[in-house]
Amino acid sequence: MSWQINTIINVANQLQRTGRTGGSTGEMIAAAFVLNQMEYLPGSYRDTVEAWDRLGEEWQGYVKEIKRNQMHLINAE
């Protein structure tokens, strides 16, 4: 598993546990999409299309990979 996918999963799990993370803006955006919880988008990204575009194709691909094949690594609340 790539470090990017591992990081997004870790940030998503942190957000679910505590509602906070030290992740980067991109990591937080990716985690919000993985979780389908737009309330986790950073404050400056309230528009979902803008946030999705901010990720770029590479990180959008990581989100898709997690959603398709790695959701078992996301801890349920």
PDB file of N, CA and C in Angstrom:
ATOM      1  N   MET A   1       0.858  -1.177   0.000  1.00  0.00           N
ATOM      2  CA  MET A   1       0.000   0.000   0.000  1.00  0.00           C
ATOM      3  C   MET A   1       0.900   1.235   0.000  1.00  0.00           C
ATOM      4  N   SER A   2       0.541   2.214  -0.801  1.00  0.00           N
ATOM      5  CA  SER A   2       1.353   3.430  -0.891  1.00  0.00           C
ATOM      6  C   SER A   2       1.240   4.257   0.389  1.00  0.00           C
ATOM      7  N   TRP A   3       2.240   5.071   0.619  1.00  0.00           N
ATOM      8  CA  TRP A   3       2.218   5.916   1.816  1.00  0.00           C
ATOM      9  C   TRP A   3       1.050   6.884   1.760  1.00  0.00           C
ATOM     10  N   GLN A   4       0.663   7.329   0.556  1.00  0.00           N
ATOM     11  CA  GLN A   4      -0.442   8.271   0.432  1.00  0.00           C
ATOM     12  C   GLN A   4      -1.759   7.627   0.876  1.00  0.00           C
ATOM     13  N   ILE A   5      -2.004   6.412   0.422  1.00  0.00           N
ATOM     14  CA  ILE A   5      -3.234   5.715   0.814  1.00  0.00           C
ATOM     15  C   ILE A   5      -3.225   5.446   2.312  1.00  0.00           C
ATOM     16  N   ASN A   6      -2.102   4.993   2.831  1.00  0.00           N
ATOM     17  CA  ASN A   6      -1.982   4.744   4.268  1.00  0.00           C
ATOM     18  C   ASN A   6      -2.244   6.025   5.066  1.00  0.00           C
ATOM     19  N   THR A   7      -1.703   7.131   4.606  1.00  0.00           N
ATOM     20  CA  THR A   7      -1.891   8.413   5.297  1.00  0.00           C
ATOM     21  C   THR A   7      -3.354   8.837   5.273  1.00  0.00           C
ATOM     22  N   ILE A   8      -4.003   8.730   4.132  1.00  0.00           N
ATOM     23  CA  ILE A   8      -5.422   9.116   4.035  1.00  0.00           C
ATOM     24  C   ILE A   8      -6.257   8.262   4.979  1.00  0.00           C
ATOM     25  N   ILE A   9      -5.989   6.969   5.022  1.00  0.00           N
ATOM     26  CA  ILE A   9      -6.718   6.079   5.934  1.00  0.00           C
ATOM     27  C   ILE A   9      -6.495   6.497   7.381  1.00  0.00           C
ATOM     28  N   ASN A  10      -5.247   6.793   7.739  1.00  0.00           N
ATOM     29  CA  ASN A  10      -4.956   7.226   9.110  1.00  0.00           C
ATOM     30  C   ASN A  10      -5.667   8.528   9.458  1.00  0.00           C
ATOM     31  N   VAL A  11      -5.662   9.480   8.539  1.00  0.00           N
ATOM     32  CA  VAL A  11      -6.339  10.760   8.779  1.00  0.00           C
ATOM     33  C   VAL A  11      -7.842  10.534   8.915  1.00  0.00           C
ATOM     34  N   ALA A  12      -8.417   9.695   8.064  1.00  0.00           N
ATOM     35  CA  ALA A  12      -9.855   9.396   8.163  1.00  0.00           C
ATOM     36  C   ALA A  12     -10.187   8.780   9.518  1.00  0.00           C
ATOM     37  N   ASN A  13      -9.363   7.864   9.975  1.00  0.00           N
ATOM     38  CA  ASN A  13      -9.607   7.240  11.273  1.00  0.00           C
ATOM     39  C   ASN A  13      -9.457   8.242  12.420  1.00  0.00           C
ATOM     40  N   GLN A  14      -8.486   9.144  12.324  1.00  0.00           N
ATOM     41  CA  GLN A  14      -8.325  10.185  13.340  1.00  0.00           C
ATOM     42  C   GLN A  14      -9.555  11.087  13.375  1.00  0.00           C
ATOM     43  N   LEU A  15     -10.036  11.492  12.203  1.00  0.00           N
ATOM     44  CA  LEU A  15     -11.210  12.359  12.144  1.00  0.00           C
ATOM     45  C   LEU A  15     -12.429  11.677  12.758  1.00  0.00           C
ATOM     46  N   GLN A  16     -12.587  10.402  12.489  1.00  0.00           N
ATOM     47  CA  GLN A  16     -13.728   9.675  13.070  1.00  0.00           C
ATOM     48  C   GLN A  16     -13.613   9.580  14.592  1.00  0.00           C
ATOM     49  N   ARG A  17     -12.396   9.361  15.073  1.00  0.00           N
ATOM     50  CA  ARG A  17     -12.198   9.207  16.519  1.00  0.00           C
ATOM     51  C   ARG A  17     -12.330  10.517  17.275  1.00  0.00           C
ATOM     52  N   THR A  18     -11.705  11.571  16.749  1.00  0.00           N
ATOM     53  CA  THR A  18     -11.584  12.801  17.531  1.00  0.00           C
ATOM     54  C   THR A  18     -12.192  14.031  16.868  1.00  0.00           C
ATOM     55  N   GLY A  19     -12.482  13.938  15.562  1.00  0.00           N
ATOM     56  CA  GLY A  19     -12.972  15.101  14.837  1.00  0.00           C
ATOM     57  C   GLY A  19     -11.871  16.064  14.447  1.00  0.00           C
ATOM     58  N   ARG A  20     -10.632  15.681  14.753  1.00  0.00           N
ATOM     59  CA  ARG A  20      -9.477  16.539  14.446  1.00  0.00           C
ATOM     60  C   ARG A  20      -8.349  15.686  13.896  1.00  0.00           C
ATOM     61  N   THR A  21      -7.413  16.366  13.241  1.00  0.00           N
ATOM     62  CA  THR A  21      -6.220  15.690  12.739  1.00  0.00           C
ATOM     63  C   THR A  21      -5.140  16.721  12.474  1.00  0.00           C
ATOM     64  N   GLY A  22      -3.922  16.261  12.466  1.00  0.00           N
ATOM     65  CA  GLY A  22      -2.801  17.113  12.082  1.00  0.00           C
ATOM     66  C   GLY A  22      -2.457  16.959  10.620  1.00  0.00           C
ATOM     67  N   GLY A  23      -3.348  16.312   9.869  1.00  0.00           N
ATOM     68  CA  GLY A  23      -3.102  16.072   8.455  1.00  0.00           C
ATOM     69  C   GLY A  23      -3.062  17.358   7.652  1.00  0.00           C
ATOM     70  N   SER A  24      -2.457  17.260   6.501  1.00  0.00           N
ATOM     71  CA  SER A  24      -2.384  18.404   5.590  1.00  0.00           C
ATOM     72  C   SER A  24      -3.769  18.694   5.017  1.00  0.00           C
ATOM     73  N   THR A  25      -3.886  19.813   4.342  1.00  0.00           N
ATOM     74  CA  THR A  25      -5.152  20.180   3.710  1.00  0.00           C
ATOM     75  C   THR A  25      -5.606  19.097   2.738  1.00  0.00           C
ATOM     76  N   GLY A  26      -4.712  18.641   1.882  1.00  0.00           N
ATOM     77  CA  GLY A  26      -5.057  17.603   0.918  1.00  0.00           C
ATOM     78  C   GLY A  26      -5.462  16.300   1.578  1.00  0.00           C
ATOM     79  N   GLU A  27      -4.743  15.930   2.631  1.00  0.00           N
ATOM     80  CA  GLU A  27      -5.070  14.704   3.365  1.00  0.00           C
ATOM     81  C   GLU A  27      -6.441  14.801   4.014  1.00  0.00           C
ATOM     82  N   MET A  28      -6.761  15.967   4.553  1.00  0.00           N
ATOM     83  CA  MET A  28      -8.076  16.160   5.178  1.00  0.00           C
ATOM     84  C   MET A  28      -9.193  16.114   4.143  1.00  0.00           C
ATOM     85  N   ILE A  29      -8.969  16.731   2.991  1.00  0.00           N
ATOM     86  CA  ILE A  29      -9.973  16.701   1.921  1.00  0.00           C
ATOM     87  C   ILE A  29     -10.196  15.264   1.464  1.00  0.00           C
ATOM     88  N   ALA A  30      -9.123  14.537   1.227  1.00  0.00           N
ATOM     89  CA  ALA A  30      -9.240  13.148   0.785  1.00  0.00           C
ATOM     90  C   ALA A  30      -9.987  12.313   1.820  1.00  0.00           C
ATOM     91  N   ALA A  31      -9.657  12.486   3.088  1.00  0.00           N
ATOM     92  CA  ALA A  31     -10.327  11.733   4.151  1.00  0.00           C
ATOM     93  C   ALA A  31     -11.817  12.068   4.217  1.00  0.00           C
ATOM     94  N   ALA A  32     -12.158  13.328   4.044  1.00  0.00           N
ATOM     95  CA  ALA A  32     -13.572  13.723   4.055  1.00  0.00           C
ATOM     96  C   ALA A  32     -14.343  13.001   2.955  1.00  0.00           C
ATOM     97  N   PHE A  33     -13.745  12.898   1.773  1.00  0.00           N
ATOM     98  CA  PHE A  33     -14.409  12.191   0.676  1.00  0.00           C
ATOM     99  C   PHE A  33     -14.477  10.690   0.950  1.00  0.00           C
ATOM    100  N   VAL A  34     -13.422  10.110   1.506  1.00  0.00           N
ATOM    101  CA  VAL A  34     -13.444   8.690   1.849  1.00  0.00           C
ATOM    102  C   VAL A  34     -14.577   8.407   2.832  1.00  0.00           C
ATOM    103  N   LEU A  35     -14.760   9.298   3.789  1.00  0.00           N
ATOM    104  CA  LEU A  35     -15.782   9.119   4.822  1.00  0.00           C
ATOM    105  C   LEU A  35     -17.171   9.579   4.384  1.00  0.00           C
ATOM    106  N   ASN A  36     -17.253  10.252   3.238  1.00  0.00           N
ATOM    107  CA  ASN A  36     -18.520  10.866   2.793  1.00  0.00           C
ATOM    108  C   ASN A  36     -19.062  11.831   3.841  1.00  0.00           C
ATOM    109  N   GLN A  37     -18.163  12.553   4.479  1.00  0.00           N
ATOM    110  CA  GLN A  37     -18.542  13.504   5.517  1.00  0.00           C
ATOM    111  C   GLN A  37     -17.870  14.842   5.226  1.00  0.00           C
ATOM    112  N   MET A  38     -18.601  15.676   4.502  1.00  0.00           N
ATOM    113  CA  MET A  38     -18.038  16.938   4.055  1.00  0.00           C
ATOM    114  C   MET A  38     -17.814  17.924   5.197  1.00  0.00           C
ATOM    115  N   GLU A  39     -18.356  17.643   6.359  1.00  0.00           N
ATOM    116  CA  GLU A  39     -18.080  18.517   7.507  1.00  0.00           C
ATOM    117  C   GLU A  39     -16.610  18.453   7.917  1.00  0.00           C
ATOM    118  N   TYR A  40     -15.884  17.450   7.440  1.00  0.00           N
ATOM    119  CA  TYR A  40     -14.461  17.344   7.733  1.00  0.00           C
ATOM    120  C   TYR A  40     -13.583  18.099   6.745  1.00  0.00           C
ATOM    121  N   LEU A  41     -14.179  18.721   5.739  1.00  0.00           N
ATOM    122  CA  LEU A  41     -13.386  19.540   4.825  1.00  0.00           C
ATOM    123  C   LEU A  41     -12.787  20.718   5.595  1.00  0.00           C
ATOM    124  N   PRO A  42     -11.563  21.098   5.263  1.00  0.00           N
ATOM    125  CA  PRO A  42     -10.993  22.296   5.901  1.00  0.00           C
ATOM    126  C   PRO A  42     -11.896  23.501   5.661  1.00  0.00           C
ATOM    127  N   GLY A  43     -11.892  24.436   6.588  1.00  0.00           N
ATOM    128  CA  GLY A  43     -12.787  25.587   6.554  1.00  0.00           C
ATOM    129  C   GLY A  43     -12.791  26.375   5.260  1.00  0.00           C
ATOM    130  N   SER A  44     -11.671  26.412   4.582  1.00  0.00           N
ATOM    131  CA  SER A  44     -11.603  27.196   3.348  1.00  0.00           C
ATOM    132  C   SER A  44     -12.162  26.447   2.140  1.00  0.00           C
ATOM    133  N   TYR A  45     -12.615  25.215   2.334  1.00  0.00           N
ATOM    134  CA  TYR A  45     -13.143  24.395   1.232  1.00  0.00           C
ATOM    135  C   TYR A  45     -14.542  23.910   1.559  1.00  0.00           C
ATOM    136  N   ARG A  46     -15.515  24.796   1.491  1.00  0.00           N
ATOM    137  CA  ARG A  46     -16.902  24.420   1.763  1.00  0.00           C
ATOM    138  C   ARG A  46     -17.636  23.964   0.513  1.00  0.00           C
ATOM    139  N   ASP A  47     -17.068  24.232  -0.657  1.00  0.00           N
ATOM    140  CA  ASP A  47     -17.662  23.778  -1.907  1.00  0.00           C
ATOM    141  C   ASP A  47     -17.029  22.432  -2.262  1.00  0.00           C
ATOM    142  N   THR A  48     -17.845  21.391  -2.412  1.00  0.00           N
ATOM    143  CA  THR A  48     -17.303  20.049  -2.632  1.00  0.00           C
ATOM    144  C   THR A  48     -16.570  19.922  -3.967  1.00  0.00           C
ATOM    145  N   VAL A  49     -17.049  20.587  -5.000  1.00  0.00           N
ATOM    146  CA  VAL A  49     -16.375  20.508  -6.304  1.00  0.00           C
ATOM    147  C   VAL A  49     -15.002  21.167  -6.215  1.00  0.00           C
ATOM    148  N   GLU A  50     -14.931  22.308  -5.574  1.00  0.00           N
ATOM    149  CA  GLU A  50     -13.649  22.987  -5.394  1.00  0.00           C
ATOM    150  C   GLU A  50     -12.681  22.096  -4.599  1.00  0.00           C
ATOM    151  N   ALA A  51     -13.188  21.471  -3.557  1.00  0.00           N
ATOM    152  CA  ALA A  51     -12.349  20.589  -2.749  1.00  0.00           C
ATOM    153  C   ALA A  51     -11.874  19.384  -3.570  1.00  0.00           C
ATOM    154  N   TRP A  52     -12.767  18.775  -4.342  1.00  0.00           N
ATOM    155  CA  TRP A  52     -12.403  17.629  -5.180  1.00  0.00           C
ATOM    156  C   TRP A  52     -11.341  18.041  -6.202  1.00  0.00           C
ATOM    157  N   ASP A  53     -11.537  19.204  -6.823  1.00  0.00           N
ATOM    158  CA  ASP A  53     -10.560  19.703  -7.795  1.00  0.00           C
ATOM    159  C   ASP A  53      -9.209  19.964  -7.140  1.00  0.00           C
ATOM    160  N   ARG A  54      -9.219  20.426  -5.915  1.00  0.00           N
ATOM    161  CA  ARG A  54      -7.984  20.717  -5.174  1.00  0.00           C
ATOM    162  C   ARG A  54      -7.120  19.468  -5.031  1.00  0.00           C
ATOM    163  N   LEU A  55      -7.752  18.298  -4.939  1.00  0.00           N
ATOM    164  CA  LEU A  55      -6.993  17.063  -4.774  1.00  0.00           C
ATOM    165  C   LEU A  55      -6.138  16.742  -5.992  1.00  0.00           C
ATOM    166  N   GLY A  56      -6.644  17.046  -7.174  1.00  0.00           N
ATOM    167  CA  GLY A  56      -5.934  16.671  -8.392  1.00  0.00           C
ATOM    168  C   GLY A  56      -6.156  15.198  -8.710  1.00  0.00           C
ATOM    169  N   GLU A  57      -5.800  14.826  -9.916  1.00  0.00           N
ATOM    170  CA  GLU A  57      -6.087  13.473 -10.400  1.00  0.00           C
ATOM    171  C   GLU A  57      -5.406  12.378  -9.582  1.00  0.00           C
ATOM    172  N   GLU A  58      -4.168  12.599  -9.175  1.00  0.00           N
ATOM    173  CA  GLU A  58      -3.441  11.563  -8.433  1.00  0.00           C
ATOM    174  C   GLU A  58      -4.137  11.237  -7.109  1.00  0.00           C
ATOM    175  N   TRP A  59      -4.459  12.265  -6.326  1.00  0.00           N
ATOM    176  CA  TRP A  59      -5.081  12.032  -5.030  1.00  0.00           C
ATOM    177  C   TRP A  59      -6.549  11.627  -5.167  1.00  0.00           C
ATOM    178  N   GLN A  60      -7.211  12.071  -6.214  1.00  0.00           N
ATOM    179  CA  GLN A  60      -8.560  11.574  -6.493  1.00  0.00           C
ATOM    180  C   GLN A  60      -8.504  10.065  -6.712  1.00  0.00           C
ATOM    181  N   GLY A  61      -7.471   9.615  -7.392  1.00  0.00           N
ATOM    182  CA  GLY A  61      -7.287   8.177  -7.606  1.00  0.00           C
ATOM    183  C   GLY A  61      -7.089   7.421  -6.306  1.00  0.00           C
ATOM    184  N   TYR A  62      -6.370   8.012  -5.360  1.00  0.00           N
ATOM    185  CA  TYR A  62      -6.187   7.368  -4.063  1.00  0.00           C
ATOM    186  C   TYR A  62      -7.528   7.240  -3.332  1.00  0.00           C
ATOM    187  N   VAL A  63      -8.335   8.293  -3.393  1.00  0.00           N
ATOM    188  CA  VAL A  63      -9.661   8.239  -2.760  1.00  0.00           C
ATOM    189  C   VAL A  63     -10.481   7.112  -3.386  1.00  0.00           C
ATOM    190  N   LYS A  64     -10.474   7.030  -4.700  1.00  0.00           N
ATOM    191  CA  LYS A  64     -11.242   5.982  -5.394  1.00  0.00           C
ATOM    192  C   LYS A  64     -10.743   4.597  -5.015  1.00  0.00           C
ATOM    193  N   GLU A  65      -9.430   4.430  -4.938  1.00  0.00           N
ATOM    194  CA  GLU A  65      -8.853   3.135  -4.549  1.00  0.00           C
ATOM    195  C   GLU A  65      -9.304   2.740  -3.148  1.00  0.00           C
ATOM    196  N   ILE A  66      -9.259   3.666  -2.224  1.00  0.00           N
ATOM    197  CA  ILE A  66      -9.694   3.367  -0.851  1.00  0.00           C
ATOM    198  C   ILE A  66     -11.175   3.001  -0.836  1.00  0.00           C
ATOM    199  N   LYS A  67     -11.991   3.794  -1.527  1.00  0.00           N
ATOM    200  CA  LYS A  67     -13.443   3.543  -1.546  1.00  0.00           C
ATOM    201  C   LYS A  67     -13.753   2.171  -2.149  1.00  0.00           C
ATOM    202  N   ARG A  68     -12.992   1.762  -3.138  1.00  0.00           N
ATOM    203  CA  ARG A  68     -13.261   0.494  -3.832  1.00  0.00           C
ATOM    204  C   ARG A  68     -12.688  -0.717  -3.103  1.00  0.00           C
ATOM    205  N   ASN A  69     -11.511  -0.548  -2.498  1.00  0.00           N
ATOM    206  CA  ASN A  69     -10.785  -1.729  -2.029  1.00  0.00           C
ATOM    207  C   ASN A  69     -10.248  -1.691  -0.604  1.00  0.00           C
ATOM    208  N   GLN A  70     -10.320  -0.550   0.061  1.00  0.00           N
ATOM    209  CA  GLN A  70      -9.667  -0.449   1.364  1.00  0.00           C
ATOM    210  C   GLN A  70     -10.582   0.004   2.499  1.00  0.00           C
ATOM    211  N   MET A  71     -11.878   0.073   2.273  1.00  0.00           N
ATOM    212  CA  MET A  71     -12.778   0.595   3.308  1.00  0.00           C
ATOM    213  C   MET A  71     -12.773  -0.265   4.568  1.00  0.00           C
ATOM    214  N   HIS A  72     -12.351  -1.519   4.451  1.00  0.00           N
ATOM    215  CA  HIS A  72     -12.273  -2.371   5.639  1.00  0.00           C
ATOM    216  C   HIS A  72     -11.225  -1.853   6.634  1.00  0.00           C
ATOM    217  N   LEU A  73     -10.350  -0.955   6.188  1.00  0.00           N
ATOM    218  CA  LEU A  73      -9.339  -0.373   7.069  1.00  0.00           C
ATOM    219  C   LEU A  73      -9.818   0.896   7.766  1.00  0.00           C
ATOM    220  N   ILE A  74     -10.999   1.352   7.409  1.00  0.00           N
ATOM    221  CA  ILE A  74     -11.586   2.518   8.064  1.00  0.00           C
ATOM    222  C   ILE A  74     -12.355   2.020   9.279  1.00  0.00           C
ATOM    223  N   ASN A  75     -11.974   2.527  10.439  1.00  0.00           N
ATOM    224  CA  ASN A  75     -12.607   2.080  11.684  1.00  0.00           C
ATOM    225  C   ASN A  75     -13.985   2.693  11.830  1.00  0.00           C
ATOM    226  N   ALA A  76     -14.968   1.854  12.046  1.00  0.00           N
ATOM    227  CA  ALA A  76     -16.332   2.346  12.279  1.00  0.00           C
ATOM    228  C   ALA A  76     -16.414   2.946  13.673  1.00  0.00           C
ATOM    229  N   GLU A  77     -17.227   3.975  13.788  1.00  0.00           N
ATOM    230  CA  GLU A  77     -17.406   4.605  15.106  1.00  0.00           C
ATOM    231  C   GLU A  77     -18.215   3.713  16.008  1.00  0.00           C
TER     232      GLU A  77
END
